[in-house]
Amino acid sequence: MWRWYEELGDIDRSLWMTRVMEHPRPSPFLTPTFLQPWAKSFARQLRLGVWNDRDLVLFHRAEDAWELLGGQDVSDRLDGLGASAEFWESLRQEASGWDAPVRFPNLAPDAWALQSRLPQDGLEVTDQSPFVRLTGDFEQYLAGLGKKNRHELRRKMRRAERMAQHGLHVTHEGDLETFLRLHRQSSAEKADFMGGSEEFFRALTDSLRQADMLRLSVLWDGQVPLASMYQIRFNNVVNLYNSGYDPQYASLAPGLVLLGFCIKKACLDGNCEYDFLRGTERYKYDLGGQERPVYRLTWTS
């Protein structure tokens, strides 16, 4: 029933993508486009399972557990790629003899791991992942906001356009170097994070561009970049993966202004959702974010 591998190249990519697209919520974080750069940058040991030549589950060895490939920290919307109760029951039996607990982080409510009908005494809510449904153009999106938030977004976007010294404009095919510089400038915490993640971002950017899944948006005042949004487009959803801005222009609220333009672009392109991903920052709710809980399931022997 089970065949286990230690190299991602041994997994049939066509089978992998077929299972991703059959998922109730296909996620870019489940694809080889994302997980191959992640594994190269962060994984120490892999345990990759194929069940009955159909279903997949991909693990890496974290310090204290076998964990879904993608891990807890820099991936969103993970899951095992099998829908049947038989698949999950068989996996539970396999994992019962392993040398560490098995952890499934960053599960959405519709994750197959949560529909398995297995006992879930190790289940916990770890975060929220706010999102906005897009059902029309930008004006329809704005109409769905509360009056105060709608007014504030419009006001800040117009104010930034008025105060820009050399002409405010947005590009959606920005370069990685600009994003990395603005990300590091944003805060000491972000600079520290990027110190250990730059190699990953470079590999991920190449992979996403080849798959036409990257939207790297930049807000400019003339030739001066003010803010940047690193977004992943997949299955008619735009995911806000990371961001950065230049603090010396904080009075213009460049991050919020750029995000408004990014949502406008998502509407123009006919996307059905803008996903802010994990985190409960206030701006996500001001922009209409609806909560979606994030779960972590842990199996112990």
Protein backbone atom coordinates (compact mmCIF):
# COMPACT_ATOMS: atom_id res chain seq x y z
CA MET A 1 0.00 0.00 0.00
CA TRP A 2 2.65 2.50 1.03
CA ARG A 3 5.85 3.40 -0.81
CA TRP A 4 8.20 5.76 1.00
CA TYR A 5 10.84 8.01 -0.57
CA GLU A 6 13.52 10.42 0.63
CA GLU A 7 13.85 12.64 -2.47
CA LEU A 8 11.21 14.96 -3.93
CA GLY A 9 12.39 14.05 -7.41
CA ASP A 10 11.04 10.53 -6.83
CA ILE A 11 7.47 11.82 -6.51
CA ASP A 12 5.51 11.90 -9.76
CA ARG A 13 4.87 15.61 -10.35
CA SER A 14 1.74 14.98 -12.44
CA LEU A 15 0.21 12.87 -9.67
CA TRP A 16 1.22 15.49 -7.11
CA MET A 17 -0.46 18.35 -8.98
CA THR A 18 -3.55 16.26 -9.73
CA ARG A 19 -4.09 15.69 -6.02
CA VAL A 20 -3.48 19.37 -5.24
CA MET A 21 -6.14 20.43 -7.73
CA GLU A 22 -8.60 17.86 -6.36
CA HIS A 23 -8.27 19.37 -2.90
CA PRO A 24 -11.33 21.31 -1.68
CA ARG A 25 -9.10 24.37 -1.45
CA PRO A 26 -6.10 24.06 -3.80
CA SER A 27 -3.19 25.89 -2.21
CA PRO A 28 0.08 27.12 -3.70
CA PHE A 29 1.76 25.95 -0.50
CA LEU A 30 0.94 22.35 -1.42
CA THR A 31 2.55 22.52 -4.86
CA PRO A 32 6.04 21.47 -5.96
CA THR A 33 6.49 25.07 -7.14
CA PHE A 34 6.55 26.15 -3.48
CA LEU A 35 7.67 23.05 -1.61
CA GLN A 36 10.74 22.20 -3.68
CA PRO A 37 12.47 25.54 -2.88
CA TRP A 38 11.29 25.19 0.73
CA ALA A 39 12.77 21.71 1.08
CA LYS A 40 16.05 22.78 -0.47
CA SER A 41 16.38 25.68 1.96
CA PHE A 42 15.02 24.26 5.21
CA ALA A 43 14.50 20.48 5.23
CA ARG A 44 17.05 18.13 6.80
CA GLN A 45 15.39 14.75 6.21
CA LEU A 46 12.35 13.86 4.14
CA ARG A 47 9.79 11.10 4.49
CA LEU A 48 7.52 11.12 1.44
CA GLY A 49 4.67 8.63 1.18
CA VAL A 50 2.58 7.44 -1.77
CA TRP A 51 -0.46 5.33 -0.91
CA ASN A 52 -2.03 3.00 -3.48
CA ASP A 53 -0.34 4.93 -6.31
CA ARG A 54 -2.83 7.76 -5.74
CA ASP A 55 -2.57 9.69 -2.48
CA LEU A 56 0.41 11.56 -1.07
CA VAL A 57 1.74 12.79 2.24
CA LEU A 58 5.01 14.71 2.46
CA PHE A 59 6.91 15.08 5.74
CA HIS A 60 10.18 16.56 6.88
CA ARG A 61 11.98 15.91 10.15
CA ALA A 62 11.65 18.89 12.47
CA GLU A 63 13.52 18.96 15.77
CA ASP A 64 10.68 17.42 17.78
CA ALA A 65 8.36 15.78 15.23
CA TRP A 66 7.73 14.56 11.74
CA GLU A 67 5.98 17.58 10.27
CA LEU A 68 4.18 18.29 7.00
CA LEU A 69 6.60 19.56 4.39
CA GLY A 70 6.45 23.34 4.46
CA GLY A 71 6.60 23.51 8.24
CA GLN A 72 5.00 25.83 10.72
CA ASP A 73 6.68 29.15 10.06
CA VAL A 74 6.80 30.19 6.39
CA SER A 75 4.04 28.13 4.78
CA ASP A 76 0.27 28.48 4.86
CA ARG A 77 -2.61 26.10 4.07
CA LEU A 78 -0.88 22.72 4.33
CA ASP A 79 -2.48 19.26 4.29
CA GLY A 80 -2.02 15.63 3.37
CA LEU A 81 -3.12 14.90 -0.20
CA GLY A 82 -5.66 12.17 0.36
CA ALA A 83 -9.40 12.39 0.95
CA SER A 84 -10.46 8.90 1.99
CA ALA A 85 -10.83 7.70 5.56
CA GLU A 86 -8.87 4.60 4.54
CA PHE A 87 -5.88 6.71 3.54
CA TRP A 88 -5.80 8.50 6.87
CA GLU A 89 -6.37 5.35 8.91
CA SER A 90 -3.53 3.64 7.08
CA LEU A 91 -1.26 6.65 7.62
CA ARG A 92 -2.08 6.68 11.32
CA GLN A 93 -1.08 3.03 11.57
CA GLU A 94 2.17 3.69 9.70
CA ALA A 95 3.03 6.68 11.87
CA SER A 96 2.35 4.85 15.13
CA GLY A 97 5.73 3.14 14.84
CA TRP A 98 7.77 6.24 14.05
CA ASP A 99 10.37 7.72 16.38
CA ALA A 100 8.58 11.04 16.99
CA PRO A 101 5.11 12.60 16.98
CA VAL A 102 3.53 13.56 13.65
CA ARG A 103 2.46 17.18 13.24
CA PHE A 104 0.09 18.76 10.72
CA PRO A 105 0.44 22.56 11.01
CA ASN A 106 -1.51 25.31 9.24
CA LEU A 107 -4.66 23.37 8.38
CA ALA A 108 -7.70 25.23 7.04
CA PRO A 109 -11.17 24.16 8.22
CA ASP A 110 -11.73 22.15 5.02
CA ALA A 111 -8.39 20.30 5.24
CA TRP A 112 -8.59 16.60 4.44
CA ALA A 113 -6.67 15.92 7.66
CA LEU A 114 -9.61 17.33 9.60
CA GLN A 115 -12.23 15.37 7.64
CA SER A 116 -10.56 12.01 8.26
CA ARG A 117 -12.95 10.91 11.04
CA LEU A 118 -9.96 9.89 13.16
CA PRO A 119 -9.76 10.92 16.84
CA GLN A 120 -8.41 14.47 16.99
CA ASP A 121 -7.49 14.97 20.62
CA GLY A 122 -4.29 16.74 19.48
CA LEU A 123 -6.17 19.48 17.62
CA GLU A 124 -5.70 23.18 18.45
CA VAL A 125 -6.43 26.55 16.89
CA THR A 126 -3.13 28.37 16.36
CA ASP A 127 -4.09 31.48 14.37
CA GLN A 128 -6.56 33.16 12.04
CA SER A 129 -6.15 33.69 8.30
CA PRO A 130 -8.35 36.61 7.23
CA PHE A 131 -9.54 36.80 3.62
CA VAL A 132 -11.82 38.87 1.38
CA ARG A 133 -14.17 37.44 -1.22
CA LEU A 134 -14.06 39.35 -4.50
CA THR A 135 -17.31 39.32 -6.46
CA GLY A 136 -16.89 42.24 -8.82
CA ASP A 137 -14.85 45.37 -9.49
CA PHE A 138 -12.99 47.53 -6.97
CA GLU A 139 -16.00 49.76 -6.36
CA GLN A 140 -18.05 46.71 -5.38
CA TYR A 141 -15.26 45.65 -3.03
CA LEU A 142 -15.24 49.12 -1.45
CA ALA A 143 -19.02 49.05 -1.11
CA GLY A 144 -18.66 45.90 1.00
CA LEU A 145 -16.51 47.67 3.59
CA GLY A 146 -17.90 49.50 6.57
CA LYS A 147 -18.44 53.20 5.99
CA LYS A 148 -15.50 54.27 8.16
CA ASN A 149 -13.03 51.80 6.64
CA ARG A 150 -14.18 52.60 3.10
CA HIS A 151 -13.68 56.30 3.73
CA GLU A 152 -10.25 55.78 5.32
CA LEU A 153 -8.94 53.64 2.46
CA ARG A 154 -10.13 56.08 -0.18
CA ARG A 155 -8.76 59.01 1.79
CA LYS A 156 -5.32 57.47 2.24
CA MET A 157 -5.05 56.42 -1.39
CA ARG A 158 -6.01 59.91 -2.59
CA ARG A 159 -3.77 61.60 -0.03
CA ALA A 160 -0.76 59.54 -1.12
CA GLU A 161 -1.41 60.45 -4.75
CA ARG A 162 -1.68 64.11 -3.80
CA MET A 163 1.44 64.20 -1.63
CA ALA A 164 3.73 62.23 -3.95
CA GLN A 165 6.44 64.55 -5.21
CA HIS A 166 7.11 62.90 -8.56
CA GLY A 167 3.92 61.01 -9.35
CA LEU A 168 2.50 58.00 -7.53
CA HIS A 169 2.24 54.80 -9.53
CA VAL A 170 2.18 51.04 -9.03
CA THR A 171 3.91 48.26 -10.91
CA HIS A 172 3.02 44.58 -10.51
CA GLU A 173 6.15 42.96 -11.95
CA GLY A 174 8.72 44.40 -9.54
CA ASP A 175 12.22 43.11 -8.98
CA LEU A 176 13.21 40.98 -6.02
CA GLU A 177 16.05 43.27 -4.92
CA THR A 178 13.62 46.13 -4.30
CA PHE A 179 11.37 43.88 -2.24
CA LEU A 180 14.29 42.51 -0.18
CA ARG A 181 15.58 46.01 0.57
CA LEU A 182 12.17 47.34 1.61
CA HIS A 183 11.44 44.22 3.65
CA ARG A 184 14.64 44.68 5.65
CA GLN A 185 13.97 48.39 6.14
CA SER A 186 10.51 47.74 7.57
CA SER A 187 11.64 46.58 11.03
CA ALA A 188 14.47 44.91 12.90
CA GLU A 189 12.30 41.80 13.23
CA LYS A 190 11.83 41.55 9.46
CA ALA A 191 15.51 42.18 8.82
CA ASP A 192 16.37 39.35 11.19
CA PHE A 193 13.87 37.03 9.51
CA MET A 194 15.22 37.74 6.05
CA GLY A 195 18.76 37.10 7.26
CA GLY A 196 17.89 33.42 7.47
CA SER A 197 15.44 33.31 4.56
CA GLU A 198 16.99 35.21 1.65
CA GLU A 199 18.25 32.07 -0.09
CA PHE A 200 14.75 30.63 0.10
CA PHE A 201 13.12 33.78 -1.29
CA ARG A 202 15.52 33.82 -4.22
CA ALA A 203 14.82 30.19 -5.09
CA LEU A 204 11.08 30.62 -4.51
CA THR A 205 10.96 33.70 -6.75
CA ASP A 206 12.58 31.80 -9.62
CA SER A 207 10.17 28.89 -9.14
CA LEU A 208 7.05 31.08 -8.94
CA ARG A 209 8.06 33.12 -11.99
CA GLN A 210 8.53 30.00 -14.07
CA ALA A 211 5.02 28.90 -13.08
CA ASP A 212 3.55 32.40 -13.62
CA MET A 213 2.41 32.49 -10.00
CA LEU A 214 4.31 35.55 -8.73
CA ARG A 215 2.93 39.06 -8.37
CA LEU A 216 5.57 41.37 -6.94
CA SER A 217 3.86 44.77 -6.60
CA VAL A 218 5.69 48.02 -5.85
CA LEU A 219 4.37 51.48 -4.96
CA TRP A 220 6.56 54.24 -6.41
CA ASP A 221 6.92 57.99 -6.06
CA GLY A 222 8.63 58.65 -9.36
CA GLN A 223 11.68 56.39 -9.26
CA VAL A 224 11.62 55.96 -5.46
CA PRO A 225 10.08 52.70 -4.16
CA LEU A 226 7.87 53.22 -1.11
CA ALA A 227 6.42 49.76 -0.45
CA SER A 228 6.34 46.28 -1.95
CA MET A 229 3.96 43.30 -1.72
CA TYR A 230 5.13 39.73 -2.42
CA GLN A 231 2.01 37.88 -3.57
CA ILE A 232 1.37 34.38 -4.87
CA ARG A 233 -1.41 33.88 -7.43
CA PHE A 234 -2.96 30.43 -7.66
CA ASN A 235 -6.36 28.99 -8.52
CA ASN A 236 -8.02 32.40 -8.86
CA VAL A 237 -6.80 33.54 -5.43
CA VAL A 238 -4.16 36.17 -4.66
CA ASN A 239 -2.23 35.41 -1.46
CA LEU A 240 -0.36 38.16 0.38
CA TYR A 241 2.79 36.29 1.35
CA ASN A 242 5.03 39.10 2.62
CA SER A 243 5.59 42.83 2.41
CA GLY A 244 7.98 45.68 3.10
CA TYR A 245 8.07 49.47 3.10
CA ASP A 246 10.43 52.40 3.63
CA PRO A 247 9.74 53.84 7.12
CA GLN A 248 10.78 57.36 6.11
CA TYR A 249 7.55 57.51 4.07
CA ALA A 250 5.36 56.15 6.87
CA SER A 251 3.24 59.31 6.88
CA LEU A 252 1.88 58.26 3.48
CA ALA A 253 0.73 54.86 4.83
CA PRO A 254 2.46 53.27 1.79
CA GLY A 255 1.77 49.69 2.81
CA LEU A 256 -1.97 50.19 3.17
CA VAL A 257 -2.12 52.30 0.01
CA LEU A 258 -0.29 49.66 -2.02
CA LEU A 259 -2.53 46.94 -0.60
CA GLY A 260 -5.54 48.89 -1.82
CA PHE A 261 -4.05 48.96 -5.31
CA CYS A 262 -3.23 45.23 -5.08
CA ILE A 263 -6.83 44.37 -4.22
CA LYS A 264 -7.96 46.59 -7.09
CA LYS A 265 -5.66 44.67 -9.44
CA ALA A 266 -6.99 41.35 -8.12
CA CYS A 267 -10.53 42.54 -8.88
CA LEU A 268 -9.56 43.68 -12.38
CA ASP A 269 -8.02 40.28 -13.09
CA GLY A 270 -11.20 38.47 -12.06
CA ASN A 271 -9.84 36.74 -8.97
CA CYS A 272 -12.41 35.41 -6.53
CA GLU A 273 -10.49 36.02 -3.29
CA TYR A 274 -7.70 38.04 -1.72
CA ASP A 275 -6.14 36.03 1.11
CA PHE A 276 -4.18 37.98 3.73
CA LEU A 277 -2.84 34.67 5.12
CA ARG A 278 -1.97 34.02 8.75
CA GLY A 279 -1.98 36.79 11.33
CA THR A 280 -4.54 39.01 13.02
CA GLU A 281 -3.08 42.43 12.19
CA ARG A 282 -5.70 45.18 12.40
CA TYR A 283 -5.34 46.31 8.79
CA LYS A 284 -6.62 42.95 7.52
CA TYR A 285 -9.95 43.48 9.24
CA ASP A 286 -10.09 47.15 8.27
CA LEU A 287 -9.87 45.97 4.66
CA GLY A 288 -12.81 43.63 5.09
CA GLY A 289 -11.04 40.47 6.19
CA GLN A 290 -13.25 37.60 7.39
CA GLU A 291 -11.71 35.19 9.85
CA ARG A 292 -10.72 31.68 8.85
CA PRO A 293 -9.24 29.62 11.71
CA VAL A 294 -5.89 27.87 11.34
CA TYR A 295 -5.48 24.50 13.07
CA ARG A 296 -2.61 22.29 14.09
CA LEU A 297 -3.13 18.56 14.52
CA THR A 298 -0.55 16.44 16.34
CA TRP A 299 -0.49 12.65 16.54
CA THR A 300 1.43 11.07 19.37
CA SER A 301 2.14 7.37 19.66
